[in-house]
N, C-alpha and C. Protein backbone atom coordinates (compact mmCIF):
# COMPACT_ATOMS: atom_id res chain seq x y z
N MET A 1 4.70 -44.51 28.03
CA MET A 1 6.05 -43.97 28.11
C MET A 1 6.58 -44.19 29.52
N ARG A 2 7.67 -44.93 29.63
CA ARG A 2 8.23 -45.31 30.92
C ARG A 2 9.19 -44.23 31.43
N ALA A 3 9.04 -43.89 32.71
CA ALA A 3 9.84 -42.80 33.27
C ALA A 3 10.34 -43.15 34.67
N ILE A 4 11.40 -42.44 35.07
CA ILE A 4 11.83 -42.45 36.47
C ILE A 4 12.05 -41.00 36.90
N ALA A 5 12.10 -40.78 38.20
CA ALA A 5 12.35 -39.45 38.75
C ALA A 5 13.51 -39.53 39.73
N ILE A 6 14.41 -38.55 39.65
CA ILE A 6 15.58 -38.52 40.53
C ILE A 6 15.66 -37.15 41.19
N ASP A 7 15.64 -37.14 42.52
CA ASP A 7 15.70 -35.89 43.28
C ASP A 7 16.10 -36.24 44.69
N ASP A 8 16.99 -35.48 45.28
CA ASP A 8 17.43 -35.80 46.64
C ASP A 8 16.39 -35.38 47.69
N GLU A 9 15.32 -34.67 47.26
CA GLU A 9 14.27 -34.26 48.19
C GLU A 9 13.04 -35.16 48.03
N PRO A 10 12.72 -35.95 49.04
CA PRO A 10 11.56 -36.86 48.96
C PRO A 10 10.25 -36.14 48.65
N ILE A 11 10.07 -34.94 49.17
CA ILE A 11 8.83 -34.19 48.91
C ILE A 11 8.70 -33.86 47.43
N ALA A 12 9.82 -33.51 46.80
CA ALA A 12 9.80 -33.20 45.37
C ALA A 12 9.42 -34.44 44.56
N LEU A 13 9.91 -35.59 45.00
CA LEU A 13 9.56 -36.84 44.31
C LEU A 13 8.08 -37.16 44.46
N GLU A 14 7.53 -36.87 45.62
CA GLU A 14 6.10 -37.11 45.83
C GLU A 14 5.25 -36.25 44.91
N ILE A 15 5.68 -35.03 44.67
CA ILE A 15 4.95 -34.14 43.77
C ILE A 15 5.00 -34.68 42.34
N VAL A 16 6.17 -35.10 41.90
CA VAL A 16 6.29 -35.68 40.56
C VAL A 16 5.43 -36.93 40.45
N LYS A 17 5.46 -37.76 41.49
CA LYS A 17 4.67 -38.99 41.49
C LYS A 17 3.18 -38.69 41.40
N SER A 18 2.72 -37.70 42.15
CA SER A 18 1.32 -37.32 42.15
C SER A 18 0.90 -36.78 40.78
N HIS A 19 1.71 -35.90 40.23
CA HIS A 19 1.41 -35.33 38.91
C HIS A 19 1.42 -36.42 37.83
N ALA A 20 2.42 -37.29 37.90
CA ALA A 20 2.56 -38.34 36.88
C ALA A 20 1.36 -39.28 36.87
N SER A 21 0.76 -39.49 38.03
CA SER A 21 -0.40 -40.40 38.11
C SER A 21 -1.60 -39.86 37.33
N LYS A 22 -1.56 -38.59 36.99
CA LYS A 22 -2.68 -37.96 36.28
C LYS A 22 -2.42 -37.85 34.77
N VAL A 23 -1.28 -38.36 34.33
CA VAL A 23 -0.94 -38.34 32.90
C VAL A 23 -1.12 -39.75 32.35
N PRO A 24 -2.13 -39.98 31.52
CA PRO A 24 -2.50 -41.34 31.12
C PRO A 24 -1.43 -42.10 30.35
N PHE A 25 -0.60 -41.40 29.58
CA PHE A 25 0.39 -42.09 28.76
C PHE A 25 1.73 -42.26 29.47
N LEU A 26 1.80 -41.83 30.73
CA LEU A 26 3.05 -41.86 31.48
C LEU A 26 3.00 -42.90 32.58
N GLU A 27 4.03 -43.74 32.64
CA GLU A 27 4.16 -44.74 33.69
C GLU A 27 5.45 -44.46 34.47
N LEU A 28 5.29 -43.93 35.68
CA LEU A 28 6.45 -43.66 36.51
C LEU A 28 6.88 -44.96 37.19
N LYS A 29 7.97 -45.51 36.72
CA LYS A 29 8.39 -46.84 37.16
C LYS A 29 9.09 -46.82 38.52
N ALA A 30 9.82 -45.73 38.81
CA ALA A 30 10.58 -45.69 40.07
C ALA A 30 10.98 -44.25 40.38
N GLU A 31 11.23 -44.00 41.70
CA GLU A 31 11.73 -42.70 42.14
C GLU A 31 12.99 -42.95 42.97
N PHE A 32 13.96 -42.04 42.85
CA PHE A 32 15.23 -42.23 43.54
C PHE A 32 15.69 -40.93 44.19
N THR A 33 16.13 -41.03 45.45
CA THR A 33 16.82 -39.91 46.10
C THR A 33 18.33 -40.06 45.94
N ASP A 34 18.77 -41.24 45.53
CA ASP A 34 20.19 -41.55 45.34
C ASP A 34 20.43 -41.74 43.84
N ALA A 35 21.22 -40.85 43.24
CA ALA A 35 21.47 -40.90 41.80
C ALA A 35 22.20 -42.18 41.39
N PHE A 36 23.05 -42.70 42.27
CA PHE A 36 23.82 -43.88 41.91
C PHE A 36 22.95 -45.15 41.89
N LYS A 37 21.93 -45.17 42.75
CA LYS A 37 20.98 -46.28 42.68
C LYS A 37 20.14 -46.18 41.40
N ALA A 38 19.86 -44.96 40.99
CA ALA A 38 19.15 -44.75 39.72
C ALA A 38 20.00 -45.24 38.55
N LEU A 39 21.30 -45.01 38.63
CA LEU A 39 22.20 -45.46 37.57
C LEU A 39 22.20 -46.99 37.47
N GLU A 40 22.21 -47.66 38.61
CA GLU A 40 22.12 -49.12 38.61
C GLU A 40 20.83 -49.59 37.96
N TYR A 41 19.75 -48.90 38.27
CA TYR A 41 18.44 -49.25 37.69
C TYR A 41 18.46 -49.08 36.17
N LEU A 42 19.04 -47.99 35.69
CA LEU A 42 19.05 -47.71 34.26
C LEU A 42 19.91 -48.71 33.48
N GLN A 43 20.85 -49.33 34.16
CA GLN A 43 21.68 -50.33 33.50
C GLN A 43 20.92 -51.64 33.26
N LYS A 44 19.79 -51.79 33.95
CA LYS A 44 19.01 -53.02 33.84
C LYS A 44 17.66 -52.84 33.17
N GLU A 45 17.07 -51.64 33.31
CA GLU A 45 15.71 -51.42 32.84
C GLU A 45 15.65 -50.35 31.75
N PRO A 46 14.89 -50.60 30.68
CA PRO A 46 14.73 -49.58 29.64
C PRO A 46 13.79 -48.46 30.10
N ILE A 47 14.22 -47.23 29.92
CA ILE A 47 13.44 -46.07 30.34
C ILE A 47 13.40 -45.07 29.18
N ASP A 48 12.26 -44.43 29.02
CA ASP A 48 12.08 -43.47 27.93
C ASP A 48 12.28 -42.02 28.35
N LEU A 49 12.08 -41.73 29.66
CA LEU A 49 12.10 -40.35 30.13
C LEU A 49 12.62 -40.28 31.56
N ILE A 50 13.43 -39.26 31.84
CA ILE A 50 13.91 -39.01 33.20
C ILE A 50 13.48 -37.62 33.66
N PHE A 51 12.87 -37.55 34.84
CA PHE A 51 12.66 -36.28 35.54
C PHE A 51 13.85 -36.13 36.47
N LEU A 52 14.64 -35.08 36.30
CA LEU A 52 15.94 -35.02 36.97
C LEU A 52 16.19 -33.67 37.64
N ASP A 53 16.48 -33.73 38.93
CA ASP A 53 16.90 -32.54 39.67
C ASP A 53 18.35 -32.22 39.26
N ILE A 54 18.77 -30.99 39.45
CA ILE A 54 20.12 -30.60 39.06
C ILE A 54 21.07 -30.59 40.26
N LYS A 55 20.71 -29.88 41.32
CA LYS A 55 21.61 -29.77 42.46
C LYS A 55 21.33 -30.88 43.46
N MET A 56 22.22 -31.89 43.43
CA MET A 56 22.10 -33.04 44.32
C MET A 56 23.47 -33.33 44.93
N PRO A 57 23.50 -33.99 46.08
CA PRO A 57 24.79 -34.33 46.68
C PRO A 57 25.54 -35.36 45.85
N ASP A 58 26.85 -35.32 45.90
CA ASP A 58 27.74 -36.29 45.25
C ASP A 58 27.86 -36.08 43.73
N ILE A 59 26.75 -35.92 43.03
CA ILE A 59 26.81 -35.72 41.59
C ILE A 59 25.64 -34.84 41.15
N SER A 60 25.91 -33.90 40.27
CA SER A 60 24.84 -33.03 39.79
C SER A 60 24.00 -33.76 38.74
N GLY A 61 22.80 -33.28 38.54
CA GLY A 61 21.96 -33.88 37.51
C GLY A 61 22.58 -33.78 36.14
N ILE A 62 23.28 -32.67 35.89
CA ILE A 62 23.93 -32.49 34.59
C ILE A 62 25.02 -33.53 34.38
N ASP A 63 25.88 -33.72 35.37
CA ASP A 63 26.95 -34.73 35.26
C ASP A 63 26.38 -36.14 35.20
N PHE A 64 25.31 -36.36 35.94
CA PHE A 64 24.67 -37.68 35.92
C PHE A 64 24.18 -38.01 34.51
N PHE A 65 23.45 -37.08 33.91
CA PHE A 65 22.90 -37.35 32.58
C PHE A 65 24.01 -37.49 31.53
N ASN A 66 25.04 -36.68 31.66
CA ASN A 66 26.16 -36.76 30.71
C ASN A 66 26.90 -38.09 30.81
N SER A 67 26.80 -38.75 31.96
CA SER A 67 27.49 -40.03 32.13
C SER A 67 26.78 -41.20 31.46
N LEU A 68 25.53 -40.99 31.05
CA LEU A 68 24.76 -42.07 30.45
C LEU A 68 25.17 -42.29 29.00
N SER A 69 25.43 -43.52 28.63
CA SER A 69 25.77 -43.81 27.23
C SER A 69 24.52 -43.82 26.36
N LYS A 70 23.44 -44.34 26.89
CA LYS A 70 22.17 -44.32 26.16
C LYS A 70 21.25 -43.34 26.88
N LYS A 71 20.89 -42.28 26.21
CA LYS A 71 20.19 -41.18 26.86
C LYS A 71 18.69 -41.19 26.58
N PRO A 72 17.88 -41.32 27.64
CA PRO A 72 16.43 -41.16 27.48
C PRO A 72 16.10 -39.69 27.26
N LEU A 73 14.84 -39.40 27.02
CA LEU A 73 14.38 -38.02 27.01
C LEU A 73 14.56 -37.45 28.42
N LEU A 74 14.75 -36.14 28.50
CA LEU A 74 15.11 -35.52 29.78
C LEU A 74 14.23 -34.30 30.06
N ILE A 75 13.68 -34.27 31.27
CA ILE A 75 13.00 -33.08 31.79
C ILE A 75 13.67 -32.72 33.11
N PHE A 76 14.27 -31.54 33.18
CA PHE A 76 14.87 -31.09 34.43
C PHE A 76 13.79 -30.56 35.37
N THR A 77 13.93 -30.86 36.64
CA THR A 77 13.04 -30.33 37.68
C THR A 77 13.94 -29.68 38.73
N THR A 78 13.93 -28.38 38.82
CA THR A 78 14.90 -27.69 39.67
C THR A 78 14.32 -26.39 40.21
N ALA A 79 14.91 -25.90 41.28
CA ALA A 79 14.49 -24.62 41.86
C ALA A 79 15.37 -23.48 41.38
N TYR A 80 16.31 -23.77 40.49
CA TYR A 80 17.29 -22.76 40.07
C TYR A 80 17.18 -22.46 38.57
N THR A 81 17.30 -21.19 38.24
CA THR A 81 17.15 -20.78 36.84
C THR A 81 18.46 -20.78 36.07
N GLU A 82 19.59 -20.79 36.77
CA GLU A 82 20.86 -20.50 36.10
C GLU A 82 21.34 -21.59 35.14
N HIS A 83 20.70 -22.77 35.17
CA HIS A 83 21.14 -23.84 34.29
C HIS A 83 20.25 -24.01 33.05
N ALA A 84 19.39 -23.04 32.81
CA ALA A 84 18.46 -23.16 31.68
C ALA A 84 19.19 -23.25 30.35
N VAL A 85 20.23 -22.45 30.17
CA VAL A 85 20.98 -22.49 28.92
C VAL A 85 21.66 -23.84 28.74
N THR A 86 22.25 -24.35 29.82
CA THR A 86 22.89 -25.67 29.75
C THR A 86 21.89 -26.75 29.38
N SER A 87 20.70 -26.67 29.94
CA SER A 87 19.68 -27.68 29.63
C SER A 87 19.31 -27.63 28.15
N PHE A 88 19.28 -26.43 27.59
CA PHE A 88 19.00 -26.28 26.16
C PHE A 88 20.10 -26.94 25.34
N GLU A 89 21.34 -26.73 25.73
CA GLU A 89 22.47 -27.33 25.02
C GLU A 89 22.47 -28.85 25.15
N MET A 90 21.90 -29.37 26.23
CA MET A 90 21.82 -30.81 26.43
C MET A 90 20.59 -31.42 25.77
N ASP A 91 19.82 -30.59 25.06
CA ASP A 91 18.63 -31.06 24.35
C ASP A 91 17.54 -31.58 25.31
N ALA A 92 17.48 -30.98 26.49
CA ALA A 92 16.40 -31.35 27.41
C ALA A 92 15.05 -30.98 26.78
N VAL A 93 14.06 -31.82 27.03
CA VAL A 93 12.71 -31.56 26.51
C VAL A 93 12.13 -30.31 27.15
N ASP A 94 12.36 -30.16 28.47
CA ASP A 94 11.80 -29.01 29.18
C ASP A 94 12.59 -28.77 30.46
N TYR A 95 12.33 -27.63 31.06
CA TYR A 95 13.03 -27.18 32.27
C TYR A 95 11.96 -26.69 33.23
N LEU A 96 11.58 -27.55 34.17
CA LEU A 96 10.51 -27.22 35.11
C LEU A 96 11.08 -26.58 36.37
N LEU A 97 10.64 -25.36 36.63
CA LEU A 97 11.09 -24.65 37.82
C LEU A 97 10.15 -24.94 38.99
N LYS A 98 10.73 -25.41 40.10
CA LYS A 98 9.94 -25.67 41.29
C LYS A 98 9.52 -24.37 41.95
N PRO A 99 8.33 -24.29 42.50
CA PRO A 99 7.28 -25.33 42.43
C PRO A 99 6.51 -25.20 41.13
N PHE A 100 6.30 -26.31 40.43
CA PHE A 100 5.58 -26.27 39.16
C PHE A 100 4.18 -26.86 39.34
N SER A 101 3.26 -26.32 38.58
CA SER A 101 1.86 -26.73 38.67
C SER A 101 1.60 -28.00 37.86
N LEU A 102 0.47 -28.61 38.08
CA LEU A 102 0.09 -29.78 37.30
C LEU A 102 -0.05 -29.43 35.81
N PRO A 103 -0.72 -28.32 35.43
CA PRO A 103 -0.80 -27.99 34.00
C PRO A 103 0.58 -27.81 33.36
N ARG A 104 1.51 -27.20 34.09
CA ARG A 104 2.87 -27.02 33.54
C ARG A 104 3.57 -28.36 33.39
N PHE A 105 3.36 -29.25 34.34
CA PHE A 105 3.93 -30.59 34.28
C PHE A 105 3.37 -31.35 33.08
N ILE A 106 2.07 -31.27 32.88
CA ILE A 106 1.43 -31.97 31.76
C ILE A 106 1.93 -31.43 30.43
N LYS A 107 2.12 -30.12 30.35
CA LYS A 107 2.65 -29.52 29.12
C LYS A 107 4.02 -30.10 28.78
N ALA A 108 4.87 -30.24 29.78
CA ALA A 108 6.20 -30.81 29.57
C ALA A 108 6.10 -32.27 29.13
N CYS A 109 5.20 -33.00 29.76
CA CYS A 109 5.01 -34.41 29.41
C CYS A 109 4.48 -34.58 27.99
N ASN A 110 3.60 -33.68 27.58
CA ASN A 110 3.08 -33.74 26.21
C ASN A 110 4.19 -33.53 25.20
N LYS A 111 5.09 -32.59 25.48
CA LYS A 111 6.23 -32.37 24.59
C LYS A 111 7.10 -33.62 24.50
N ALA A 112 7.34 -34.25 25.66
CA ALA A 112 8.14 -35.46 25.68
C ALA A 112 7.46 -36.59 24.91
N PHE A 113 6.15 -36.70 25.06
CA PHE A 113 5.41 -37.77 24.40
C PHE A 113 5.44 -37.61 22.88
N GLU A 114 5.34 -36.36 22.41
CA GLU A 114 5.43 -36.10 20.97
C GLU A 114 6.80 -36.54 20.43
N LEU A 115 7.85 -36.21 21.16
CA LEU A 115 9.19 -36.61 20.75
C LEU A 115 9.37 -38.12 20.82
N TYR A 116 8.81 -38.71 21.86
CA TYR A 116 8.88 -40.17 22.02
C TYR A 116 8.23 -40.88 20.82
N ASN A 117 7.05 -40.42 20.44
CA ASN A 117 6.37 -41.02 19.29
C ASN A 117 7.12 -40.78 18.00
N PHE A 118 7.67 -39.57 17.87
CA PHE A 118 8.40 -39.26 16.64
C PHE A 118 9.67 -40.10 16.54
N ARG A 119 10.37 -40.26 17.65
CA ARG A 119 11.59 -41.07 17.63
C ARG A 119 11.28 -42.52 17.25
N ASN A 120 10.22 -43.05 17.79
CA ASN A 120 9.85 -44.42 17.47
C ASN A 120 9.50 -44.58 16.00
N THR A 121 8.87 -43.56 15.44
CA THR A 121 8.54 -43.59 14.01
C THR A 121 9.80 -43.47 13.17
N THR A 122 10.70 -42.54 13.58
CA THR A 122 11.92 -42.30 12.83
C THR A 122 12.83 -43.52 12.81
N GLU A 123 12.86 -44.28 13.92
CA GLU A 123 13.73 -45.45 13.98
C GLU A 123 13.34 -46.51 12.97
N SER A 124 12.12 -46.48 12.49
CA SER A 124 11.67 -47.47 11.50
C SER A 124 11.85 -46.97 10.08
N THR A 125 12.38 -45.76 9.90
CA THR A 125 12.64 -45.21 8.59
C THR A 125 14.13 -44.94 8.42
N ASP A 126 14.55 -44.61 7.20
CA ASP A 126 15.96 -44.32 6.95
C ASP A 126 16.15 -42.91 6.40
N TYR A 127 15.21 -42.02 6.71
CA TYR A 127 15.28 -40.67 6.17
C TYR A 127 14.48 -39.70 7.04
N ILE A 128 14.70 -38.41 6.78
CA ILE A 128 13.86 -37.36 7.35
C ILE A 128 13.57 -36.35 6.25
N PHE A 129 12.55 -35.55 6.47
CA PHE A 129 12.26 -34.42 5.59
C PHE A 129 12.68 -33.14 6.32
N ILE A 130 13.41 -32.28 5.62
CA ILE A 130 13.87 -31.03 6.23
C ILE A 130 13.34 -29.84 5.43
N LYS A 131 13.20 -28.70 6.14
CA LYS A 131 12.70 -27.49 5.50
C LYS A 131 13.82 -26.77 4.77
N THR A 132 13.63 -26.56 3.47
CA THR A 132 14.58 -25.78 2.66
C THR A 132 13.77 -24.78 1.85
N GLY A 133 13.80 -23.53 2.27
CA GLY A 133 12.99 -22.53 1.58
C GLY A 133 11.51 -22.81 1.76
N TYR A 134 10.81 -22.99 0.65
CA TYR A 134 9.37 -23.24 0.69
C TYR A 134 9.03 -24.70 0.42
N GLU A 135 10.01 -25.57 0.52
CA GLU A 135 9.75 -26.98 0.25
C GLU A 135 10.34 -27.87 1.34
N GLN A 136 9.93 -29.11 1.33
CA GLN A 136 10.46 -30.13 2.23
C GLN A 136 11.34 -31.07 1.41
N LEU A 137 12.57 -31.26 1.84
CA LEU A 137 13.52 -32.09 1.10
C LEU A 137 13.77 -33.39 1.86
N LYS A 138 13.67 -34.51 1.17
CA LYS A 138 13.95 -35.81 1.77
C LYS A 138 15.46 -36.04 1.82
N VAL A 139 15.96 -36.36 3.02
CA VAL A 139 17.39 -36.61 3.21
C VAL A 139 17.57 -37.99 3.84
N LEU A 140 18.34 -38.83 3.17
CA LEU A 140 18.63 -40.17 3.71
C LEU A 140 19.67 -40.05 4.83
N PHE A 141 19.47 -40.80 5.90
CA PHE A 141 20.44 -40.79 7.00
C PHE A 141 21.83 -41.20 6.51
N ASP A 142 21.89 -42.16 5.61
CA ASP A 142 23.18 -42.66 5.12
C ASP A 142 23.93 -41.63 4.29
N ASP A 143 23.24 -40.59 3.83
CA ASP A 143 23.90 -39.54 3.03
C ASP A 143 24.49 -38.44 3.89
N ILE A 144 24.15 -38.41 5.17
CA ILE A 144 24.60 -37.32 6.04
C ILE A 144 25.99 -37.61 6.59
N LEU A 145 26.90 -36.64 6.40
CA LEU A 145 28.23 -36.72 7.02
C LEU A 145 28.20 -36.05 8.39
N TYR A 146 27.77 -34.80 8.41
CA TYR A 146 27.62 -34.10 9.69
C TYR A 146 26.69 -32.91 9.51
N LEU A 147 26.30 -32.31 10.64
CA LEU A 147 25.43 -31.14 10.65
C LEU A 147 26.11 -30.04 11.44
N GLU A 148 25.91 -28.80 10.97
CA GLU A 148 26.50 -27.64 11.65
C GLU A 148 25.42 -26.60 11.91
N ALA A 149 25.35 -26.13 13.16
CA ALA A 149 24.37 -25.10 13.52
C ALA A 149 24.86 -23.73 13.09
N ALA A 150 23.92 -22.90 12.66
CA ALA A 150 24.23 -21.52 12.29
C ALA A 150 23.01 -20.66 12.58
N GLY A 151 22.87 -20.23 13.84
CA GLY A 151 21.72 -19.43 14.23
C GLY A 151 20.44 -20.23 14.13
N ASN A 152 19.49 -19.71 13.36
CA ASN A 152 18.22 -20.41 13.16
C ASN A 152 18.25 -21.33 11.95
N TYR A 153 19.45 -21.65 11.49
CA TYR A 153 19.63 -22.55 10.35
C TYR A 153 20.54 -23.70 10.75
N VAL A 154 20.42 -24.79 10.01
CA VAL A 154 21.31 -25.93 10.18
C VAL A 154 21.82 -26.34 8.79
N THR A 155 23.14 -26.47 8.67
CA THR A 155 23.73 -26.94 7.42
C THR A 155 23.89 -28.45 7.47
N PHE A 156 23.25 -29.14 6.53
CA PHE A 156 23.42 -30.57 6.37
C PHE A 156 24.56 -30.79 5.38
N VAL A 157 25.67 -31.35 5.84
CA VAL A 157 26.78 -31.68 4.96
C VAL A 157 26.60 -33.12 4.52
N LEU A 158 26.20 -33.29 3.28
CA LEU A 158 25.91 -34.61 2.73
C LEU A 158 27.12 -35.11 1.94
N LYS A 159 27.07 -36.35 1.50
CA LYS A 159 28.23 -36.92 0.81
C LYS A 159 28.49 -36.27 -0.54
N ASP A 160 27.47 -35.59 -1.11
CA ASP A 160 27.67 -34.99 -2.43
C ASP A 160 27.29 -33.51 -2.50
N LYS A 161 26.81 -32.92 -1.39
CA LYS A 161 26.42 -31.52 -1.41
C LYS A 161 26.15 -31.02 0.00
N LYS A 162 25.89 -29.71 0.12
CA LYS A 162 25.45 -29.10 1.37
C LYS A 162 24.04 -28.55 1.19
N VAL A 163 23.23 -28.71 2.26
CA VAL A 163 21.86 -28.21 2.23
C VAL A 163 21.61 -27.37 3.48
N LEU A 164 21.07 -26.17 3.27
CA LEU A 164 20.76 -25.29 4.41
C LEU A 164 19.29 -25.42 4.76
N SER A 165 19.01 -25.75 6.01
CA SER A 165 17.64 -25.94 6.47
C SER A 165 17.29 -24.88 7.51
N ARG A 166 16.10 -24.27 7.35
CA ARG A 166 15.65 -23.29 8.34
C ARG A 166 15.01 -24.04 9.51
N SER A 167 15.84 -24.44 10.45
CA SER A 167 15.41 -25.17 11.64
C SER A 167 16.37 -24.84 12.76
N THR A 168 15.93 -25.00 13.99
CA THR A 168 16.86 -24.86 15.11
C THR A 168 17.62 -26.16 15.28
N PHE A 169 18.78 -26.07 15.88
CA PHE A 169 19.61 -27.25 16.07
C PHE A 169 18.91 -28.28 16.94
N ASN A 170 18.23 -27.80 17.98
CA ASN A 170 17.54 -28.73 18.88
C ASN A 170 16.40 -29.46 18.18
N GLU A 171 15.72 -28.78 17.27
CA GLU A 171 14.66 -29.45 16.50
C GLU A 171 15.25 -30.62 15.72
N ILE A 172 16.39 -30.39 15.08
CA ILE A 172 17.02 -31.43 14.27
C ILE A 172 17.55 -32.56 15.14
N VAL A 173 18.16 -32.20 16.27
CA VAL A 173 18.70 -33.23 17.18
C VAL A 173 17.63 -34.25 17.53
N ASN A 174 16.44 -33.78 17.80
CA ASN A 174 15.37 -34.67 18.24
C ASN A 174 14.73 -35.45 17.09
N LEU A 175 15.13 -35.14 15.85
CA LEU A 175 14.63 -35.89 14.71
C LEU A 175 15.55 -37.04 14.31
N LEU A 176 16.78 -36.99 14.77
CA LEU A 176 17.78 -37.96 14.34
C LEU A 176 17.82 -39.17 15.28
N PRO A 177 17.97 -40.38 14.72
CA PRO A 177 18.08 -41.57 15.58
C PRO A 177 19.37 -41.55 16.39
N ALA A 178 19.24 -41.76 17.68
CA ALA A 178 20.38 -41.64 18.59
C ALA A 178 21.45 -42.70 18.35
N ASP A 179 21.09 -43.80 17.72
CA ASP A 179 22.08 -44.85 17.46
C ASP A 179 22.91 -44.58 16.21
N LYS A 180 22.53 -43.57 15.42
CA LYS A 180 23.25 -43.27 14.19
C LYS A 180 24.05 -41.96 14.25
N PHE A 181 23.65 -41.06 15.14
CA PHE A 181 24.27 -39.74 15.19
C PHE A 181 24.65 -39.38 16.63
N VAL A 182 25.72 -38.59 16.75
CA VAL A 182 26.16 -38.17 18.08
C VAL A 182 26.57 -36.70 18.03
N ARG A 183 26.23 -35.97 19.06
CA ARG A 183 26.63 -34.58 19.17
C ARG A 183 28.05 -34.52 19.72
N VAL A 184 28.93 -33.81 19.04
CA VAL A 184 30.33 -33.74 19.46
C VAL A 184 30.74 -32.31 19.86
N HIS A 185 29.81 -31.38 19.69
CA HIS A 185 30.09 -29.97 19.95
C HIS A 185 28.73 -29.27 20.03
N ARG A 186 28.67 -28.13 20.67
CA ARG A 186 27.37 -27.44 20.77
C ARG A 186 26.82 -27.10 19.39
N SER A 187 27.69 -27.06 18.37
CA SER A 187 27.25 -26.68 17.02
C SER A 187 27.40 -27.78 15.98
N TYR A 188 27.77 -29.00 16.41
CA TYR A 188 28.01 -30.06 15.44
C TYR A 188 27.43 -31.41 15.88
N ILE A 189 26.84 -32.10 14.93
CA ILE A 189 26.41 -33.49 15.09
C ILE A 189 27.03 -34.28 13.95
N VAL A 190 27.53 -35.46 14.23
CA VAL A 190 28.17 -36.25 13.18
C VAL A 190 27.50 -37.62 13.06
N SER A 191 27.61 -38.20 11.88
CA SER A 191 27.17 -39.57 11.66
C SER A 191 28.24 -40.50 12.21
N VAL A 192 27.88 -41.36 13.13
CA VAL A 192 28.86 -42.26 13.75
C VAL A 192 29.50 -43.16 12.71
N ALA A 193 28.72 -43.66 11.77
CA ALA A 193 29.24 -44.58 10.75
C ALA A 193 30.21 -43.91 9.79
N ARG A 194 30.16 -42.58 9.71
CA ARG A 194 31.01 -41.86 8.75
C ARG A 194 32.35 -41.43 9.35
N ILE A 195 32.55 -41.62 10.64
CA ILE A 195 33.78 -41.20 11.29
C ILE A 195 34.94 -42.10 10.84
N ASP A 196 36.01 -41.48 10.33
CA ASP A 196 37.19 -42.23 9.90
C ASP A 196 38.29 -42.25 10.95
N ARG A 197 38.43 -41.14 11.68
CA ARG A 197 39.51 -41.04 12.66
C ARG A 197 39.08 -40.11 13.78
N VAL A 198 39.49 -40.46 15.01
CA VAL A 198 39.17 -39.65 16.18
C VAL A 198 40.46 -39.15 16.81
N GLU A 199 40.54 -37.84 16.99
CA GLU A 199 41.66 -37.24 17.70
C GLU A 199 41.11 -36.52 18.93
N ARG A 200 42.00 -35.92 19.71
CA ARG A 200 41.58 -35.34 20.97
C ARG A 200 40.52 -34.27 20.79
N HIS A 201 40.70 -33.39 19.82
CA HIS A 201 39.80 -32.26 19.68
C HIS A 201 39.10 -32.20 18.32
N GLN A 202 39.13 -33.31 17.58
CA GLN A 202 38.43 -33.31 16.30
C GLN A 202 38.23 -34.74 15.81
N VAL A 203 37.30 -34.88 14.88
CA VAL A 203 37.11 -36.15 14.18
C VAL A 203 37.25 -35.88 12.69
N SER A 204 37.69 -36.90 11.97
CA SER A 204 37.82 -36.79 10.52
C SER A 204 36.72 -37.59 9.87
N ILE A 205 36.06 -36.97 8.90
CA ILE A 205 35.00 -37.61 8.13
C ILE A 205 35.29 -37.33 6.66
N ALA A 206 35.62 -38.39 5.90
CA ALA A 206 36.09 -38.22 4.53
C ALA A 206 37.32 -37.32 4.59
N SER A 207 37.33 -36.22 3.86
CA SER A 207 38.47 -35.30 3.88
C SER A 207 38.22 -34.10 4.77
N LEU A 208 37.15 -34.16 5.57
CA LEU A 208 36.73 -33.03 6.40
C LEU A 208 37.04 -33.28 7.87
N THR A 209 37.18 -32.19 8.63
CA THR A 209 37.38 -32.31 10.07
C THR A 209 36.28 -31.55 10.79
N VAL A 210 35.86 -32.11 11.92
CA VAL A 210 34.80 -31.53 12.74
C VAL A 210 35.33 -31.39 14.16
N PRO A 211 35.18 -30.21 14.77
CA PRO A 211 35.71 -30.03 16.14
C PRO A 211 34.94 -30.85 17.17
N VAL A 212 35.65 -31.30 18.19
CA VAL A 212 35.05 -32.02 19.32
C VAL A 212 35.35 -31.23 20.58
N SER A 213 34.33 -30.85 21.32
CA SER A 213 34.54 -30.11 22.57
C SER A 213 34.62 -31.08 23.74
N GLU A 214 35.29 -30.65 24.80
CA GLU A 214 35.42 -31.50 25.98
C GLU A 214 34.06 -31.85 26.58
N ALA A 215 33.11 -30.92 26.47
CA ALA A 215 31.78 -31.15 27.05
C ALA A 215 31.05 -32.32 26.41
N TYR A 216 31.39 -32.62 25.15
CA TYR A 216 30.68 -33.69 24.45
C TYR A 216 31.58 -34.88 24.11
N ARG A 217 32.82 -34.84 24.53
CA ARG A 217 33.74 -35.91 24.18
C ARG A 217 33.28 -37.27 24.73
N HIS A 218 32.73 -37.26 25.96
CA HIS A 218 32.28 -38.51 26.56
C HIS A 218 31.14 -39.13 25.75
N GLU A 219 30.28 -38.29 25.14
CA GLU A 219 29.20 -38.81 24.32
C GLU A 219 29.75 -39.47 23.07
N LEU A 220 30.78 -38.87 22.49
CA LEU A 220 31.42 -39.45 21.32
C LEU A 220 32.01 -40.82 21.64
N ILE A 221 32.76 -40.91 22.73
CA ILE A 221 33.39 -42.18 23.12
C ILE A 221 32.33 -43.24 23.39
N ALA A 222 31.26 -42.85 24.07
CA ALA A 222 30.18 -43.80 24.36
C ALA A 222 29.54 -44.31 23.07
N ALA A 223 29.34 -43.41 22.10
CA ALA A 223 28.72 -43.80 20.84
C ALA A 223 29.62 -44.75 20.06
N LEU A 224 30.91 -44.51 20.09
CA LEU A 224 31.85 -45.37 19.38
C LEU A 224 31.95 -46.76 20.01
N ASN A 225 31.72 -46.83 21.32
CA ASN A 225 31.85 -48.11 22.02
C ASN A 225 30.55 -48.89 22.12
N SER A 226 29.44 -48.27 21.71
CA SER A 226 28.14 -48.95 21.84
C SER A 226 27.87 -49.86 20.65
């Protein structure tokens, strides 16, 4: 699993580098104190995971990650707790509070590696299985119009019916192929191929409308242009 680390503090990067050298499935390809140099690198090199600080000069880690059209897996590395909720909404794999130990770092990497393997497997299939009551239901990606979060449940709006799955939204987000689906709101994910019309604050899919929040509008535009 190929990774980079971005942090304006060189000492913090050295810690990530040292910890990463002890994780056999992780290859830390580069470290950056300058987020814009990291952006140039990402435009040329494929990366699976980013270790990202939040409070940096010129651009925050949150704004940096939101600017990416193709998003790798994300682990935040920060000394501040106040962005934990935002990281959850951004589907970050983990949120490492500095100073973090090697065991805590490895735990985060293991979570990322599981998702990395699952994504690679999912990309070769055209369906997922979702939990509905006491059974697992096979759902084809091409049948999905959009998904709506509702607490500990997710509603799958399919072309011919709705299905309620007992799953968290973040669990489902990490199961869907990033080239087919895009998050347009903290509570909605849509199938890119099913979008008929895009307006400022909503998209139309068949005869239905789905809200688009400003926080996720850039992701929608990037998905449409990719």
